Amino acid sequence: MTIKVAFLGPEGTYTHQAVIQQFGNDREHVQIYPAKSIGDCFRAINAEDVDYAVVPFENSTNGQVVYTYDLIRDWFIPSLQSKHTQPNISSSTVLSPSATSVPRFKIVAEQFVAIHHNFLTNAENLEDIKTIYSHPQVWTQVGKFLSSKEIPAHAAKIDSPSTSKAAELVYEDKTNTTACISSQMSADLYGLPVRFPNVEDNVNNTTRFLVLGYKEPPTPPKDEEDDKSGSMVTSIIFTLNHDDPGALCDVLIEFKKNGVSLTSINSRPSHLKQWQYVFFAEIVGDLSSDHNIEESIREASKTCQELVILGTFKRSWRYWSSASSKE
């Protein structure tokens, strides 16, 4: 059976690497669909044009990938559903009296990709380089390298839609006066020389990706060998009455009372009311088998205007690997 996977393209991006880590690189069994935007990935999985979609979620250096956070907000907060009039919806994961519908797809897995940036160019002399291309988020991750003496100060730094697109632009340049900061995968894809490898400021720079789908994906062979933790994560999103003093505290105390750990909590503007926010929280454990998590969410939902369960999924072994490398 062939698995269809959409991801933020083009081929050669770090998201493509996350796809390979999760599903392998056998084109007979995995059919990939590079998308032009993260929004296109959401639309493809919602329409069931693909079985899974892989999107970037957060980076250990730059933090949130706000495009993904905002899309999760827009798709899963029922009050914003008018933006996405889609037939493929369900109310089974909403714990709020005012809620009506959310998509049927959920977060079903995660991947962590070590981000190692490389300086690629066909230029024989660095002084000939007039333009350097890369994705906007990359510039802050390679600041020390760009300020070094090796890189000509006169070179213009131009944003590209992806690091892979940056490599494509250098590949197409026949003047050999351009360079890019991109991945080894892109260098291999376009046959570009790596002039300087691993130019990132933080050697532990890592991006986390979410896998969206309708069921748990197949476990890659390497994960079967290395994932011995058995840890699970339950992800939720919720809104509060921002005029209610202590509302967020009331939600969090429910988890504390039941001895439930939260690994993260983030917020984004709600787009419902000015200065109101939506909160994203991740819980250690499996909602389907842990009564304490179930009770915590049930009680917390009484304080929330809306609370939606985004999914429960296995903690990737790469989470522990990336965490230990930072110690």
C-alpha atoms as a PDB file:
ATOM      1  CA  MET A   1       0.000   0.000   0.000  1.00  0.00           C
ATOM      2  CA  THR A   2       1.352   3.409  -1.017  1.00  0.00           C
ATOM      3  CA  ILE A   3       1.297   6.176   1.603  1.00  0.00           C
ATOM      4  CA  LYS A   4       0.669   9.697   0.307  1.00  0.00           C
ATOM      5  CA  VAL A   5       2.440  12.469   2.206  1.00  0.00           C
ATOM      6  CA  ALA A   6       2.192  16.231   1.721  1.00  0.00           C
ATOM      7  CA  PHE A   7       4.917  18.477   3.121  1.00  0.00           C
ATOM      8  CA  LEU A   8       6.206  22.021   2.895  1.00  0.00           C
ATOM      9  CA  GLY A   9       8.285  21.816  -0.263  1.00  0.00           C
ATOM     10  CA  PRO A  10      10.092  21.825  -2.502  1.00  0.00           C
ATOM     11  CA  GLU A  11      12.161  18.663  -2.294  1.00  0.00           C
ATOM     12  CA  GLY A  12      15.385  19.085  -0.383  1.00  0.00           C
ATOM     13  CA  THR A  13      13.923  21.127   2.480  1.00  0.00           C
ATOM     14  CA  TYR A  14      14.349  20.214   6.118  1.00  0.00           C
ATOM     15  CA  THR A  15      10.655  19.301   6.096  1.00  0.00           C
ATOM     16  CA  HIS A  16      11.455  16.794   3.360  1.00  0.00           C
ATOM     17  CA  GLN A  17      14.109  15.362   5.683  1.00  0.00           C
ATOM     18  CA  ALA A  18      11.436  15.003   8.395  1.00  0.00           C
ATOM     19  CA  VAL A  19       9.274  13.083   5.900  1.00  0.00           C
ATOM     20  CA  ILE A  20      12.141  10.679   5.198  1.00  0.00           C
ATOM     21  CA  GLN A  21      12.765  10.176   8.913  1.00  0.00           C
ATOM     22  CA  GLN A  22       9.110   9.353   9.511  1.00  0.00           C
ATOM     23  CA  PHE A  23       8.172   7.406   6.390  1.00  0.00           C
ATOM     24  CA  GLY A  24      11.429   6.359   4.737  1.00  0.00           C
ATOM     25  CA  ASN A  25      12.596   7.107   1.202  1.00  0.00           C
ATOM     26  CA  ASP A  26      11.146   4.173  -0.744  1.00  0.00           C
ATOM     27  CA  ARG A  27       9.241   5.832  -3.591  1.00  0.00           C
ATOM     28  CA  GLU A  28       7.364   2.587  -4.281  1.00  0.00           C
ATOM     29  CA  HIS A  29       5.693   2.779  -0.887  1.00  0.00           C
ATOM     30  CA  VAL A  30       5.768   6.523  -0.146  1.00  0.00           C
ATOM     31  CA  GLN A  31       4.423   9.055  -2.610  1.00  0.00           C
ATOM     32  CA  ILE A  32       5.427  12.616  -1.718  1.00  0.00           C
ATOM     33  CA  TYR A  33       3.525  15.807  -2.549  1.00  0.00           C
ATOM     34  CA  PRO A  34       5.626  18.957  -2.032  1.00  0.00           C
ATOM     35  CA  ALA A  35       3.279  21.837  -1.165  1.00  0.00           C
ATOM     36  CA  LYS A  36       3.879  25.522  -1.783  1.00  0.00           C
ATOM     37  CA  SER A  37       2.736  26.565   1.678  1.00  0.00           C
ATOM     38  CA  ILE A  38       1.938  25.199   5.123  1.00  0.00           C
ATOM     39  CA  GLY A  39      -1.687  26.145   4.464  1.00  0.00           C
ATOM     40  CA  ASP A  40      -1.704  23.911   1.390  1.00  0.00           C
ATOM     41  CA  CYS A  41      -0.580  21.016   3.616  1.00  0.00           C
ATOM     42  CA  PHE A  42      -3.575  21.586   5.918  1.00  0.00           C
ATOM     43  CA  ARG A  43      -5.978  21.735   2.972  1.00  0.00           C
ATOM     44  CA  ALA A  44      -4.540  18.563   1.429  1.00  0.00           C
ATOM     45  CA  ILE A  45      -4.898  16.489   4.603  1.00  0.00           C
ATOM     46  CA  ASN A  46      -8.359  17.888   5.344  1.00  0.00           C
ATOM     47  CA  ALA A  47      -9.573  16.977   1.847  1.00  0.00           C
ATOM     48  CA  GLU A  48      -7.972  13.528   2.271  1.00  0.00           C
ATOM     49  CA  ASP A  49      -5.957  14.045  -0.894  1.00  0.00           C
ATOM     50  CA  VAL A  50      -3.088  12.610   1.164  1.00  0.00           C
ATOM     51  CA  ASP A  51      -2.796  10.274   4.134  1.00  0.00           C
ATOM     52  CA  TYR A  52      -0.434  12.501   6.110  1.00  0.00           C
ATOM     53  CA  ALA A  53       0.962  16.028   6.097  1.00  0.00           C
ATOM     54  CA  VAL A  54       4.251  17.112   7.664  1.00  0.00           C
ATOM     55  CA  VAL A  55       4.710  20.729   8.789  1.00  0.00           C
ATOM     56  CA  PRO A  56       7.351  22.615  10.807  1.00  0.00           C
ATOM     57  CA  PHE A  57       6.211  23.560  14.309  1.00  0.00           C
ATOM     58  CA  GLU A  58       9.055  25.032  16.336  1.00  0.00           C
ATOM     59  CA  ASN A  59      12.787  25.583  16.291  1.00  0.00           C
ATOM     60  CA  SER A  60      15.132  25.320  19.269  1.00  0.00           C
ATOM     61  CA  THR A  61      16.787  28.625  18.305  1.00  0.00           C
ATOM     62  CA  ASN A  62      13.978  30.745  16.841  1.00  0.00           C
ATOM     63  CA  GLY A  63      10.998  29.327  18.725  1.00  0.00           C
ATOM     64  CA  GLN A  64       7.514  29.059  17.233  1.00  0.00           C
ATOM     65  CA  VAL A  65       6.817  28.611  13.537  1.00  0.00           C
ATOM     66  CA  VAL A  66       3.966  31.087  13.811  1.00  0.00           C
ATOM     67  CA  TYR A  67       2.422  30.132  10.455  1.00  0.00           C
ATOM     68  CA  THR A  68       1.734  26.622  11.758  1.00  0.00           C
ATOM     69  CA  TYR A  69       0.525  27.800  15.158  1.00  0.00           C
ATOM     70  CA  ASP A  70      -1.893  30.212  13.502  1.00  0.00           C
ATOM     71  CA  LEU A  71      -3.202  27.584  11.100  1.00  0.00           C
ATOM     72  CA  ILE A  72      -3.854  25.187  13.969  1.00  0.00           C
ATOM     73  CA  ARG A  73      -5.720  28.003  15.704  1.00  0.00           C
ATOM     74  CA  ASP A  74      -7.781  28.851  12.611  1.00  0.00           C
ATOM     75  CA  TRP A  75      -8.639  25.233  11.813  1.00  0.00           C
ATOM     76  CA  PHE A  76      -9.298  23.897  15.304  1.00  0.00           C
ATOM     77  CA  ILE A  77     -10.918  26.749  17.235  1.00  0.00           C
ATOM     78  CA  PRO A  78     -14.621  26.281  16.405  1.00  0.00           C
ATOM     79  CA  SER A  79     -15.374  30.018  16.598  1.00  0.00           C
ATOM     80  CA  LEU A  80     -13.046  30.498  13.626  1.00  0.00           C
ATOM     81  CA  GLN A  81     -14.543  27.695  11.532  1.00  0.00           C
ATOM     82  CA  SER A  82     -16.248  30.132   9.151  1.00  0.00           C
ATOM     83  CA  LYS A  83     -12.810  30.591   7.601  1.00  0.00           C
ATOM     84  CA  HIS A  84     -12.729  26.930   6.599  1.00  0.00           C
ATOM     85  CA  THR A  85     -16.088  25.745   5.345  1.00  0.00           C
ATOM     86  CA  GLN A  86     -15.069  22.136   4.858  1.00  0.00           C
ATOM     87  CA  PRO A  87     -17.195  18.949   4.976  1.00  0.00           C
ATOM     88  CA  ASN A  88     -14.575  16.837   6.739  1.00  0.00           C
ATOM     89  CA  ILE A  89     -15.234  17.869  10.350  1.00  0.00           C
ATOM     90  CA  SER A  90     -16.156  16.281  13.654  1.00  0.00           C
ATOM     91  CA  SER A  91     -17.144  17.400  17.150  1.00  0.00           C
ATOM     92  CA  SER A  92     -15.633  14.437  18.994  1.00  0.00           C
ATOM     93  CA  THR A  93     -12.506  16.210  20.242  1.00  0.00           C
ATOM     94  CA  VAL A  94     -14.139  19.390  21.522  1.00  0.00           C
ATOM     95  CA  LEU A  95     -14.776  19.855  25.223  1.00  0.00           C
ATOM     96  CA  SER A  96     -16.770  23.067  25.289  1.00  0.00           C
ATOM     97  CA  PRO A  97     -20.509  23.772  25.332  1.00  0.00           C
ATOM     98  CA  SER A  98     -20.138  26.471  22.688  1.00  0.00           C
ATOM     99  CA  ALA A  99     -18.072  24.385  20.302  1.00  0.00           C
ATOM    100  CA  THR A 100     -19.498  22.983  17.088  1.00  0.00           C
ATOM    101  CA  SER A 101     -16.887  21.361  14.874  1.00  0.00           C
ATOM    102  CA  VAL A 102     -13.200  20.754  14.247  1.00  0.00           C
ATOM    103  CA  PRO A 103     -11.334  18.847  11.520  1.00  0.00           C
ATOM    104  CA  ARG A 104     -11.128  15.063  11.819  1.00  0.00           C
ATOM    105  CA  PHE A 105      -7.383  15.015  11.234  1.00  0.00           C
ATOM    106  CA  LYS A 106      -5.144  15.295  14.283  1.00  0.00           C
ATOM    107  CA  ILE A 107      -1.519  15.432  15.327  1.00  0.00           C
ATOM    108  CA  VAL A 108      -0.457  11.795  15.062  1.00  0.00           C
ATOM    109  CA  ALA A 109       3.351  11.950  15.309  1.00  0.00           C
ATOM    110  CA  GLU A 110       6.358  14.247  15.613  1.00  0.00           C
ATOM    111  CA  GLN A 111       9.878  14.378  14.198  1.00  0.00           C
ATOM    112  CA  PHE A 112      13.005  16.283  15.215  1.00  0.00           C
ATOM    113  CA  VAL A 113      15.515  17.257  12.536  1.00  0.00           C
ATOM    114  CA  ALA A 114      19.015  18.451  13.404  1.00  0.00           C
ATOM    115  CA  ILE A 115      19.502  21.659  11.422  1.00  0.00           C
ATOM    116  CA  HIS A 116      22.979  21.937   9.938  1.00  0.00           C
ATOM    117  CA  HIS A 117      23.297  24.840   7.534  1.00  0.00           C
ATOM    118  CA  ASN A 118      25.876  24.879   4.762  1.00  0.00           C
ATOM    119  CA  PHE A 119      27.244  27.670   2.581  1.00  0.00           C
ATOM    120  CA  LEU A 120      26.818  26.584  -1.040  1.00  0.00           C
ATOM    121  CA  THR A 121      28.194  28.370  -4.093  1.00  0.00           C
ATOM    122  CA  ASN A 122      29.635  27.809  -7.568  1.00  0.00           C
ATOM    123  CA  ALA A 123      31.752  30.952  -7.260  1.00  0.00           C
ATOM    124  CA  GLU A 124      35.492  30.325  -7.523  1.00  0.00           C
ATOM    125  CA  ASN A 125      36.305  33.404  -5.453  1.00  0.00           C
ATOM    126  CA  LEU A 126      34.200  34.523  -2.506  1.00  0.00           C
ATOM    127  CA  GLU A 127      34.666  38.175  -3.493  1.00  0.00           C
ATOM    128  CA  ASP A 128      32.693  37.453  -6.682  1.00  0.00           C
ATOM    129  CA  ILE A 129      29.553  36.692  -4.676  1.00  0.00           C
ATOM    130  CA  LYS A 130      26.963  39.454  -5.022  1.00  0.00           C
ATOM    131  CA  THR A 131      23.896  37.741  -3.554  1.00  0.00           C
ATOM    132  CA  ILE A 132      23.248  35.202  -0.798  1.00  0.00           C
ATOM    133  CA  TYR A 133      19.865  33.458  -0.635  1.00  0.00           C
ATOM    134  CA  SER A 134      18.177  31.672   2.264  1.00  0.00           C
ATOM    135  CA  HIS A 135      14.937  31.276   4.182  1.00  0.00           C
ATOM    136  CA  PRO A 136      14.154  34.269   6.472  1.00  0.00           C
ATOM    137  CA  GLN A 137      14.496  32.220   9.666  1.00  0.00           C
ATOM    138  CA  VAL A 138      18.000  31.130   8.746  1.00  0.00           C
ATOM    139  CA  TRP A 139      19.657  34.546   8.959  1.00  0.00           C
ATOM    140  CA  THR A 140      19.412  34.704  12.753  1.00  0.00           C
ATOM    141  CA  GLN A 141      20.805  31.172  13.021  1.00  0.00           C
ATOM    142  CA  VAL A 142      24.033  31.931  11.128  1.00  0.00           C
ATOM    143  CA  GLY A 143      24.824  35.471  12.321  1.00  0.00           C
ATOM    144  CA  LYS A 144      28.363  34.697  13.467  1.00  0.00           C
ATOM    145  CA  PHE A 145      29.265  33.098  10.169  1.00  0.00           C
ATOM    146  CA  LEU A 146      27.834  35.941   8.099  1.00  0.00           C
ATOM    147  CA  SER A 147      29.833  38.496  10.086  1.00  0.00           C
ATOM    148  CA  SER A 148      33.079  36.597   9.584  1.00  0.00           C
ATOM    149  CA  LYS A 149      35.841  37.860   7.321  1.00  0.00           C
ATOM    150  CA  GLU A 150      35.284  35.082   4.781  1.00  0.00           C
ATOM    151  CA  ILE A 151      31.908  36.426   3.658  1.00  0.00           C
ATOM    152  CA  PRO A 152      32.008  39.602   1.534  1.00  0.00           C
ATOM    153  CA  ALA A 153      30.207  42.463   3.276  1.00  0.00           C
ATOM    154  CA  HIS A 154      28.857  43.787  -0.035  1.00  0.00           C
ATOM    155  CA  ALA A 155      26.826  40.624  -0.744  1.00  0.00           C
ATOM    156  CA  ALA A 156      23.070  41.235  -0.567  1.00  0.00           C
ATOM    157  CA  LYS A 157      21.071  38.873   1.601  1.00  0.00           C
ATOM    158  CA  ILE A 158      17.829  37.916  -0.159  1.00  0.00           C
ATOM    159  CA  ASP A 159      14.960  35.922   1.378  1.00  0.00           C
ATOM    160  CA  SER A 160      13.723  32.803  -0.401  1.00  0.00           C
ATOM    161  CA  PRO A 161      10.600  30.694   0.276  1.00  0.00           C
ATOM    162  CA  SER A 162      12.745  27.790   1.496  1.00  0.00           C
ATOM    163  CA  THR A 163      16.364  26.742   1.852  1.00  0.00           C
ATOM    164  CA  SER A 164      15.836  24.327  -1.023  1.00  0.00           C
ATOM    165  CA  LYS A 165      14.532  27.123  -3.266  1.00  0.00           C
ATOM    166  CA  ALA A 166      17.628  29.118  -2.328  1.00  0.00           C
ATOM    167  CA  ALA A 167      19.780  26.254  -3.609  1.00  0.00           C
ATOM    168  CA  GLU A 168      17.730  26.082  -6.791  1.00  0.00           C
ATOM    169  CA  LEU A 169      18.351  29.793  -7.435  1.00  0.00           C
ATOM    170  CA  VAL A 170      22.100  29.284  -7.085  1.00  0.00           C
ATOM    171  CA  TYR A 171      21.936  26.237  -9.363  1.00  0.00           C
ATOM    172  CA  GLU A 172      20.154  28.275 -12.049  1.00  0.00           C
ATOM    173  CA  ASP A 173      22.608  31.182 -11.818  1.00  0.00           C
ATOM    174  CA  LYS A 174      25.008  30.946 -14.751  1.00  0.00           C
ATOM    175  CA  THR A 175      27.098  33.935 -13.620  1.00  0.00           C
ATOM    176  CA  ASN A 176      28.374  32.051 -10.557  1.00  0.00           C
ATOM    177  CA  THR A 177      27.983  35.184  -8.445  1.00  0.00           C
ATOM    178  CA  THR A 178      25.417  33.840  -5.979  1.00  0.00           C
ATOM    179  CA  ALA A 179      25.498  31.661  -2.888  1.00  0.00           C
ATOM    180  CA  CYS A 180      22.995  30.225  -0.478  1.00  0.00           C
ATOM    181  CA  ILE A 181      22.721  28.838   3.007  1.00  0.00           C
ATOM    182  CA  SER A 182      20.983  25.513   2.737  1.00  0.00           C
ATOM    183  CA  SER A 183      21.044  21.844   3.692  1.00  0.00           C
ATOM    184  CA  GLN A 184      23.331  19.031   2.634  1.00  0.00           C
ATOM    185  CA  MET A 185      20.255  17.436   1.090  1.00  0.00           C
ATOM    186  CA  SER A 186      19.793  20.471  -1.182  1.00  0.00           C
ATOM    187  CA  ALA A 187      23.490  20.455  -2.058  1.00  0.00           C
ATOM    188  CA  ASP A 188      23.179  16.846  -3.162  1.00  0.00           C
ATOM    189  CA  LEU A 189      19.915  17.511  -5.008  1.00  0.00           C
ATOM    190  CA  TYR A 190      21.348  20.357  -7.107  1.00  0.00           C
ATOM    191  CA  GLY A 191      24.977  19.277  -7.237  1.00  0.00           C
ATOM    192  CA  LEU A 192      26.260  22.407  -5.499  1.00  0.00           C
ATOM    193  CA  PRO A 193      29.677  22.525  -3.798  1.00  0.00           C
ATOM    194  CA  VAL A 194      29.660  22.959  -0.014  1.00  0.00           C
ATOM    195  CA  ARG A 195      32.146  25.771   0.523  1.00  0.00           C
ATOM    196  CA  PHE A 196      31.606  25.939   4.294  1.00  0.00           C
ATOM    197  CA  PRO A 197      29.757  23.160   6.175  1.00  0.00           C
ATOM    198  CA  ASN A 198      27.843  23.484   9.451  1.00  0.00           C
ATOM    199  CA  VAL A 199      27.759  27.281   9.620  1.00  0.00           C
ATOM    200  CA  GLU A 200      24.966  27.455  12.216  1.00  0.00           C
ATOM    201  CA  ASP A 201      25.733  29.401  15.412  1.00  0.00           C
ATOM    202  CA  ASN A 202      24.238  26.684  17.623  1.00  0.00           C
ATOM    203  CA  VAL A 203      25.438  23.160  16.879  1.00  0.00           C
ATOM    204  CA  ASN A 204      22.341  21.815  18.672  1.00  0.00           C
ATOM    205  CA  ASN A 205      19.958  23.740  16.408  1.00  0.00           C
ATOM    206  CA  THR A 206      16.901  21.505  15.909  1.00  0.00           C
ATOM    207  CA  THR A 207      13.475  21.891  14.326  1.00  0.00           C
ATOM    208  CA  ARG A 208      10.441  19.955  15.476  1.00  0.00           C
ATOM    209  CA  PHE A 209       7.856  18.863  12.908  1.00  0.00           C
ATOM    210  CA  LEU A 210       4.289  17.672  13.357  1.00  0.00           C
ATOM    211  CA  VAL A 211       2.721  14.840  11.376  1.00  0.00           C
ATOM    212  CA  LEU A 212      -0.986  15.409  10.721  1.00  0.00           C
ATOM    213  CA  GLY A 213      -3.264  12.529   9.821  1.00  0.00           C
ATOM    214  CA  TYR A 214      -6.262  10.374  10.681  1.00  0.00           C
ATOM    215  CA  LYS A 215      -4.432   7.455  12.261  1.00  0.00           C
ATOM    216  CA  GLU A 216      -1.057   6.659  13.767  1.00  0.00           C
ATOM    217  CA  PRO A 217       1.542   6.343  11.002  1.00  0.00           C
ATOM    218  CA  PRO A 218       3.755   3.292  10.522  1.00  0.00           C
ATOM    219  CA  THR A 219       6.739   3.261  12.857  1.00  0.00           C
ATOM    220  CA  PRO A 220      10.055   3.662  11.003  1.00  0.00           C
ATOM    221  CA  PRO A 221      12.500   0.765  11.609  1.00  0.00           C
ATOM    222  CA  LYS A 222      15.028   3.027  13.353  1.00  0.00           C
ATOM    223  CA  ASP A 223      12.356   4.192  15.788  1.00  0.00           C
ATOM    224  CA  GLU A 224      11.511   0.589  16.610  1.00  0.00           C
ATOM    225  CA  GLU A 225      15.141   0.070  17.578  1.00  0.00           C
ATOM    226  CA  ASP A 226      15.687   3.299  19.500  1.00  0.00           C
ATOM    227  CA  ASP A 227      12.338   4.283  21.017  1.00  0.00           C
ATOM    228  CA  LYS A 228      12.302   2.549  24.378  1.00  0.00           C
ATOM    229  CA  SER A 229      10.757   5.342  26.446  1.00  0.00           C
ATOM    230  CA  GLY A 230       7.129   4.619  25.589  1.00  0.00           C
ATOM    231  CA  SER A 231       6.351   8.241  26.434  1.00  0.00           C
ATOM    232  CA  MET A 232       3.197   9.827  25.005  1.00  0.00           C
ATOM    233  CA  VAL A 233       2.164  13.439  24.464  1.00  0.00           C
ATOM    234  CA  THR A 234      -1.354  14.895  24.403  1.00  0.00           C
ATOM    235  CA  SER A 235      -1.732  18.279  22.747  1.00  0.00           C
ATOM    236  CA  ILE A 236      -4.600  20.719  23.412  1.00  0.00           C
ATOM    237  CA  ILE A 237      -5.626  24.227  22.424  1.00  0.00           C
ATOM    238  CA  PHE A 238      -7.997  26.451  24.416  1.00  0.00           C
ATOM    239  CA  THR A 239      -9.376  29.959  24.807  1.00  0.00           C
ATOM    240  CA  LEU A 240     -10.333  31.865  27.939  1.00  0.00           C
ATOM    241  CA  ASN A 241     -12.368  34.886  28.896  1.00  0.00           C
ATOM    242  CA  HIS A 242      -9.466  37.316  29.082  1.00  0.00           C
ATOM    243  CA  ASP A 243     -11.473  39.575  31.434  1.00  0.00           C
ATOM    244  CA  ASP A 244     -11.704  36.790  34.023  1.00  0.00           C
ATOM    245  CA  PRO A 245      -8.901  37.279  36.600  1.00  0.00           C
ATOM    246  CA  GLY A 246      -6.906  34.115  37.188  1.00  0.00           C
ATOM    247  CA  ALA A 247      -8.589  32.120  34.408  1.00  0.00           C
ATOM    248  CA  LEU A 248      -5.309  30.700  33.091  1.00  0.00           C
ATOM    249  CA  CYS A 249      -4.223  29.851  36.624  1.00  0.00           C
ATOM    250  CA  ASP A 250      -7.533  28.031  37.182  1.00  0.00           C
ATOM    251  CA  VAL A 251      -6.838  25.863  34.122  1.00  0.00           C
ATOM    252  CA  LEU A 252      -3.274  25.038  35.106  1.00  0.00           C
ATOM    253  CA  ILE A 253      -4.180  24.189  38.703  1.00  0.00           C
ATOM    254  CA  GLU A 254      -6.397  21.340  37.462  1.00  0.00           C
ATOM    255  CA  PHE A 255      -3.333  19.612  36.018  1.00  0.00           C
ATOM    256  CA  LYS A 256      -1.330  20.227  39.182  1.00  0.00           C
ATOM    257  CA  LYS A 257      -4.091  18.798  41.380  1.00  0.00           C
ATOM    258  CA  ASN A 258      -4.023  15.565  39.386  1.00  0.00           C
ATOM    259  CA  GLY A 259      -0.241  15.301  39.205  1.00  0.00           C
ATOM    260  CA  VAL A 260      -0.176  15.860  35.427  1.00  0.00           C
ATOM    261  CA  SER A 261       2.921  17.456  33.866  1.00  0.00           C
ATOM    262  CA  LEU A 262       2.817  20.026  31.078  1.00  0.00           C
ATOM    263  CA  THR A 263       5.903  20.194  28.866  1.00  0.00           C
ATOM    264  CA  SER A 264       5.023  23.510  27.226  1.00  0.00           C
ATOM    265  CA  ILE A 265       2.443  26.271  26.998  1.00  0.00           C
ATOM    266  CA  ASN A 266       2.416  28.903  24.237  1.00  0.00           C
ATOM    267  CA  SER A 267       0.011  31.564  23.079  1.00  0.00           C
ATOM    268  CA  ARG A 268      -1.027  33.363  19.896  1.00  0.00           C
ATOM    269  CA  PRO A 269      -3.541  36.164  19.231  1.00  0.00           C
ATOM    270  CA  SER A 270      -7.011  34.628  19.022  1.00  0.00           C
ATOM    271  CA  HIS A 271      -8.365  36.660  16.070  1.00  0.00           C
ATOM    272  CA  LEU A 272     -11.648  36.567  17.992  1.00  0.00           C
ATOM    273  CA  LYS A 273     -11.257  39.676  20.108  1.00  0.00           C
ATOM    274  CA  GLN A 274      -8.469  42.218  20.425  1.00  0.00           C
ATOM    275  CA  TRP A 275      -5.922  41.226  23.095  1.00  0.00           C
ATOM    276  CA  GLN A 276      -7.500  37.823  23.585  1.00  0.00           C
ATOM    277  CA  TYR A 277      -5.217  34.824  23.109  1.00  0.00           C
ATOM    278  CA  VAL A 278      -5.404  31.127  22.342  1.00  0.00           C
ATOM    279  CA  PHE A 279      -3.203  28.808  24.386  1.00  0.00           C
ATOM    280  CA  PHE A 280      -1.394  25.715  23.156  1.00  0.00           C
ATOM    281  CA  ALA A 281      -0.397  23.195  25.821  1.00  0.00           C
ATOM    282  CA  GLU A 282       1.319  19.819  25.683  1.00  0.00           C
ATOM    283  CA  ILE A 283       0.722  17.215  28.344  1.00  0.00           C
ATOM    284  CA  VAL A 284       2.933  14.275  29.252  1.00  0.00           C
ATOM    285  CA  GLY A 285       0.826  11.131  28.899  1.00  0.00           C
ATOM    286  CA  ASP A 286      -1.886   9.367  26.948  1.00  0.00           C
ATOM    287  CA  LEU A 287      -5.391  10.795  27.280  1.00  0.00           C
ATOM    288  CA  SER A 288      -6.976   7.490  26.257  1.00  0.00           C
ATOM    289  CA  SER A 289      -5.418   5.538  29.124  1.00  0.00           C
ATOM    290  CA  ASP A 290      -4.643   8.069  31.866  1.00  0.00           C
ATOM    291  CA  HIS A 291      -7.609   8.960  34.079  1.00  0.00           C
ATOM    292  CA  ASN A 292      -5.725  11.870  35.648  1.00  0.00           C
ATOM    293  CA  ILE A 293      -5.253  13.542  32.266  1.00  0.00           C
ATOM    294  CA  GLU A 294      -8.881  12.917  31.354  1.00  0.00           C
ATOM    295  CA  GLU A 295     -10.066  14.408  34.653  1.00  0.00           C
ATOM    296  CA  SER A 296      -7.728  17.405  34.342  1.00  0.00           C
ATOM    297  CA  ILE A 297      -8.959  18.255  30.864  1.00  0.00           C
ATOM    298  CA  ARG A 298     -12.588  17.764  31.820  1.00  0.00           C
ATOM    299  CA  GLU A 299     -12.302  20.129  34.793  1.00  0.00           C
ATOM    300  CA  ALA A 300     -10.128  22.641  32.929  1.00  0.00           C
ATOM    301  CA  SER A 301     -12.674  22.819  30.110  1.00  0.00           C
ATOM    302  CA  LYS A 302     -15.224  24.243  32.554  1.00  0.00           C
ATOM    303  CA  THR A 303     -13.101  27.388  32.790  1.00  0.00           C
ATOM    304  CA  CYS A 304     -12.364  27.570  29.050  1.00  0.00           C
ATOM    305  CA  GLN A 305     -14.559  29.146  26.435  1.00  0.00           C
ATOM    306  CA  GLU A 306     -13.323  26.465  24.036  1.00  0.00           C
ATOM    307  CA  LEU A 307     -10.960  23.529  24.513  1.00  0.00           C
ATOM    308  CA  VAL A 308      -9.967  21.176  21.697  1.00  0.00           C
ATOM    309  CA  ILE A 309      -7.790  18.067  21.843  1.00  0.00           C
ATOM    310  CA  LEU A 310      -5.346  18.241  18.941  1.00  0.00           C
ATOM    311  CA  GLY A 311      -4.100  14.677  19.301  1.00  0.00           C
ATOM    312  CA  THR A 312      -2.188  12.118  21.341  1.00  0.00           C
ATOM    313  CA  PHE A 313       1.016  10.727  19.869  1.00  0.00           C
ATOM    314  CA  LYS A 314       4.267   8.975  20.711  1.00  0.00           C
ATOM    315  CA  ARG A 315       7.188  11.081  21.896  1.00  0.00           C
ATOM    316  CA  SER A 316       9.929  10.682  19.279  1.00  0.00           C
ATOM    317  CA  TRP A 317      13.179   9.150  20.525  1.00  0.00           C
ATOM    318  CA  ARG A 318      14.903  12.076  18.829  1.00  0.00           C
ATOM    319  CA  TYR A 319      13.416  14.344  21.479  1.00  0.00           C
ATOM    320  CA  TRP A 320      15.532  12.639  24.113  1.00  0.00           C
ATOM    321  CA  SER A 321      18.545  12.600  21.800  1.00  0.00           C
ATOM    322  CA  SER A 322      18.323  16.330  21.060  1.00  0.00           C
ATOM    323  CA  ALA A 323      17.695  17.156  24.717  1.00  0.00           C
ATOM    324  CA  SER A 324      20.711  15.189  25.939  1.00  0.00           C
ATOM    325  CA  SER A 325      22.973  16.871  23.370  1.00  0.00           C
ATOM    326  CA  LYS A 326      22.228  20.244  24.965  1.00  0.00           C
ATOM    327  CA  GLU A 327      23.256  19.207  28.462  1.00  0.00           C
END
